[in-house]
C-alpha atoms as a PDB file:
ATOM      1  CA  MET A   1       0.000   0.000   0.000  1.00  0.00           C
ATOM      2  CA  ASN A   2       1.719   3.111  -1.184  1.00  0.00           C
ATOM      3  CA  LEU A   3       0.833   6.797  -1.093  1.00  0.00           C
ATOM      4  CA  LYS A   4      -0.856   6.744  -4.513  1.00  0.00           C
ATOM      5  CA  SER A   5      -3.289   4.041  -3.504  1.00  0.00           C
ATOM      6  CA  VAL A   6      -4.204   5.881  -0.279  1.00  0.00           C
ATOM      7  CA  GLN A   7      -4.751   9.154  -2.155  1.00  0.00           C
ATOM      8  CA  ASN A   8      -7.220   7.513  -4.506  1.00  0.00           C
ATOM      9  CA  LYS A   9      -9.518   6.350  -1.719  1.00  0.00           C
ATOM     10  CA  PRO A  10     -12.745   8.390  -1.333  1.00  0.00           C
ATOM     11  CA  LEU A  11     -12.400   8.817   2.427  1.00  0.00           C
ATOM     12  CA  PHE A  12      -8.964  10.343   2.052  1.00  0.00           C
ATOM     13  CA  LYS A  13     -10.284  12.784  -0.527  1.00  0.00           C
ATOM     14  CA  VAL A  14     -13.081  13.889   1.807  1.00  0.00           C
ATOM     15  CA  ILE A  15     -10.780  14.231   4.820  1.00  0.00           C
ATOM     16  CA  THR A  16      -8.192  16.268   2.902  1.00  0.00           C
ATOM     17  CA  ASN A  17     -10.793  18.583   1.394  1.00  0.00           C
ATOM     18  CA  ILE A  18      -9.980  22.171   2.428  1.00  0.00           C
ATOM     19  CA  TYR A  19     -13.573  22.900   3.429  1.00  0.00           C
ATOM     20  CA  VAL A  20     -13.729  19.874   5.720  1.00  0.00           C
ATOM     21  CA  ILE A  21     -10.445  20.860   7.351  1.00  0.00           C
ATOM     22  CA  ILE A  22     -11.585  24.443   7.888  1.00  0.00           C
ATOM     23  CA  LEU A  23     -14.959  23.293   9.237  1.00  0.00           C
ATOM     24  CA  THR A  24     -13.269  20.857  11.624  1.00  0.00           C
ATOM     25  CA  VAL A  25     -10.901  23.532  12.935  1.00  0.00           C
ATOM     26  CA  PHE A  26     -13.840  25.936  13.342  1.00  0.00           C
ATOM     27  CA  VAL A  27     -15.956  23.406  15.254  1.00  0.00           C
ATOM     28  CA  VAL A  28     -13.081  22.462  17.561  1.00  0.00           C
ATOM     29  CA  TRP A  29     -12.340  26.142  18.180  1.00  0.00           C
ATOM     30  CA  MET A  30     -15.990  26.949  18.983  1.00  0.00           C
ATOM     31  CA  LEU A  31     -16.437  23.946  21.266  1.00  0.00           C
ATOM     32  CA  PHE A  32     -13.298  24.263  23.363  1.00  0.00           C
ATOM     33  CA  PHE A  33     -11.293  27.463  22.901  1.00  0.00           C
ATOM     34  CA  ASP A  34     -13.722  30.284  22.236  1.00  0.00           C
ATOM     35  CA  GLU A  35     -14.905  32.643  24.967  1.00  0.00           C
ATOM     36  CA  ASN A  36     -18.447  31.323  24.456  1.00  0.00           C
ATOM     37  CA  SER A  37     -17.419  27.685  24.280  1.00  0.00           C
ATOM     38  CA  TYR A  38     -19.536  24.712  25.236  1.00  0.00           C
ATOM     39  CA  LEU A  39     -17.505  24.219  28.405  1.00  0.00           C
ATOM     40  CA  THR A  40     -18.118  27.807  29.486  1.00  0.00           C
ATOM     41  CA  HIS A  41     -21.830  27.447  28.837  1.00  0.00           C
ATOM     42  CA  ARG A  42     -21.933  24.284  30.966  1.00  0.00           C
ATOM     43  CA  GLU A  43     -20.343  26.173  33.871  1.00  0.00           C
ATOM     44  CA  PHE A  44     -22.794  29.047  33.457  1.00  0.00           C
ATOM     45  CA  ASP A  45     -25.761  26.655  33.370  1.00  0.00           C
ATOM     46  CA  LYS A  46     -24.557  25.028  36.578  1.00  0.00           C
ATOM     47  CA  GLU A  47     -24.198  28.415  38.255  1.00  0.00           C
ATOM     48  CA  ILE A  48     -27.676  29.438  37.056  1.00  0.00           C
ATOM     49  CA  LYS A  49     -29.188  26.303  38.605  1.00  0.00           C
ATOM     50  CA  GLU A  50     -27.429  27.000  41.909  1.00  0.00           C
ATOM     51  CA  LEU A  51     -28.670  30.588  41.913  1.00  0.00           C
ATOM     52  CA  GLU A  52     -32.231  29.517  41.091  1.00  0.00           C
ATOM     53  CA  THR A  53     -32.121  27.082  44.021  1.00  0.00           C
ATOM     54  CA  TRP A  54     -30.838  29.899  46.239  1.00  0.00           C
ATOM     55  CA  ILE A  55     -33.651  32.205  45.047  1.00  0.00           C
ATOM     56  CA  ASP A  56     -36.301  29.528  45.687  1.00  0.00           C
ATOM     57  CA  TYR A  57     -34.960  28.967  49.211  1.00  0.00           C
ATOM     58  CA  HIS A  58     -35.120  32.669  49.993  1.00  0.00           C
ATOM     59  CA  LYS A  59     -38.604  33.020  48.515  1.00  0.00           C
ATOM     60  CA  LYS A  60     -39.817  30.228  50.800  1.00  0.00           C
ATOM     61  CA  LYS A  61     -38.030  31.797  53.763  1.00  0.00           C
ATOM     62  CA  THR A  62     -39.627  35.183  52.966  1.00  0.00           C
ATOM     63  CA  ALA A  63     -43.066  33.580  52.789  1.00  0.00           C
ATOM     64  CA  GLN A  64     -42.497  31.942  56.183  1.00  0.00           C
ATOM     65  CA  ASP A  65     -41.365  35.245  57.683  1.00  0.00           C
ATOM     66  CA  LYS A  66     -44.417  37.035  56.271  1.00  0.00           C
ATOM     67  CA  GLN A  67     -46.641  34.390  57.838  1.00  0.00           C
ATOM     68  CA  THR A  68     -44.834  34.792  61.164  1.00  0.00           C
ATOM     69  CA  ILE A  69     -45.269  38.571  61.008  1.00  0.00           C
ATOM     70  CA  LYS A  70     -48.946  38.119  60.210  1.00  0.00           C
ATOM     71  CA  ASN A  71     -49.338  35.760  63.184  1.00  0.00           C
ATOM     72  CA  LEU A  72     -47.499  38.155  65.510  1.00  0.00           C
ATOM     73  CA  GLN A  73     -50.084  40.880  64.895  1.00  0.00           C
ATOM     74  CA  ASP A  74     -52.174  39.124  67.554  1.00  0.00           C
ATOM     75  CA  SER A  75     -51.016  40.079  71.075  1.00  0.00           C
ATOM     76  CA  LEU A  76     -51.499  36.569  72.487  1.00  0.00           C
ATOM     77  CA  GLU A  77     -49.470  35.060  69.677  1.00  0.00           C
ATOM     78  CA  LEU A  78     -46.771  37.696  70.205  1.00  0.00           C
ATOM     79  CA  GLU A  79     -46.625  36.861  73.901  1.00  0.00           C
ATOM     80  CA  ARG A  80     -46.381  33.117  73.157  1.00  0.00           C
ATOM     81  CA  PHE A  81     -43.605  33.726  70.626  1.00  0.00           C
ATOM     82  CA  ALA A  82     -41.630  35.885  73.073  1.00  0.00           C
ATOM     83  CA  ARG A  83     -41.975  33.297  75.827  1.00  0.00           C
ATOM     84  CA  GLU A  84     -40.924  30.351  73.657  1.00  0.00           C
ATOM     85  CA  LYS A  85     -38.256  31.927  71.513  1.00  0.00           C
ATOM     86  CA  TYR A  86     -36.630  34.438  73.869  1.00  0.00           C
ATOM     87  CA  LEU A  87     -37.575  32.951  77.272  1.00  0.00           C
ATOM     88  CA  MET A  88     -39.274  36.162  78.389  1.00  0.00           C
ATOM     89  CA  LYS A  89     -41.541  36.209  81.406  1.00  0.00           C
ATOM     90  CA  LYS A  90     -43.797  38.416  83.462  1.00  0.00           C
ATOM     91  CA  LYS A  91     -42.534  39.887  86.737  1.00  0.00           C
ATOM     92  CA  ASP A  92     -44.309  37.447  89.011  1.00  0.00           C
ATOM     93  CA  GLU A  93     -43.558  34.290  86.993  1.00  0.00           C
ATOM     94  CA  ASP A  94     -40.873  31.671  87.267  1.00  0.00           C
ATOM     95  CA  ILE A  95     -39.645  29.840  84.208  1.00  0.00           C
ATOM     96  CA  TYR A  96     -38.459  26.262  84.326  1.00  0.00           C
ATOM     97  CA  ILE A  97     -36.662  24.952  81.277  1.00  0.00           C
ATOM     98  CA  ILE A  98     -37.122  21.245  80.843  1.00  0.00           C
ATOM     99  CA  GLU A  99     -34.748  19.467  78.511  1.00  0.00           C
ATOM    100  CA  PHE A 100     -35.451  15.949  77.455  1.00  0.00           C
ATOM    101  CA  ASP A 101     -32.524  13.590  77.306  1.00  0.00           C
ATOM    102  CA  THR A 102     -32.935  11.426  74.237  1.00  0.00           C
ATOM    103  CA  ILE A 103     -29.943   9.206  74.917  1.00  0.00           C
ATOM    104  CA  LYS A 104     -31.000   5.873  76.389  1.00  0.00           C
ATOM    105  CA  LYS A 105     -28.637   4.174  78.770  1.00  0.00           C
END
C-alpha cells in the first residue's frame, strides 16, 4: 500500500478537502477554545441552577417570615412567641426549662 493508492480512496479525498479541514478547525475552536465555548456554557448553566435554588430557598423563607409577622399581629401570639423563643416572662412568673434527654442508657 503506497501513497498513490491511499490518495485515490474516497475517504482520504473527503478528509483532505480544504472545506472539511476548515470546518473541523472551526468546530473544535468553537467547542473548546472560544470565549463562548460549550464548556463555558456548561459552567454558566450550573451556576444558574445554583442561583435559582438559592432564590427559591429565599422566597420560601420570605413567605415563612411574612406568615410569622402576620401571626405576631395578635397580642397573644406575640406573647407566646416571646416566651418560647426568647424565654421572656412576666414579673411574678418563674420559668423552668425542661430538657429531654434522648440518649437511652
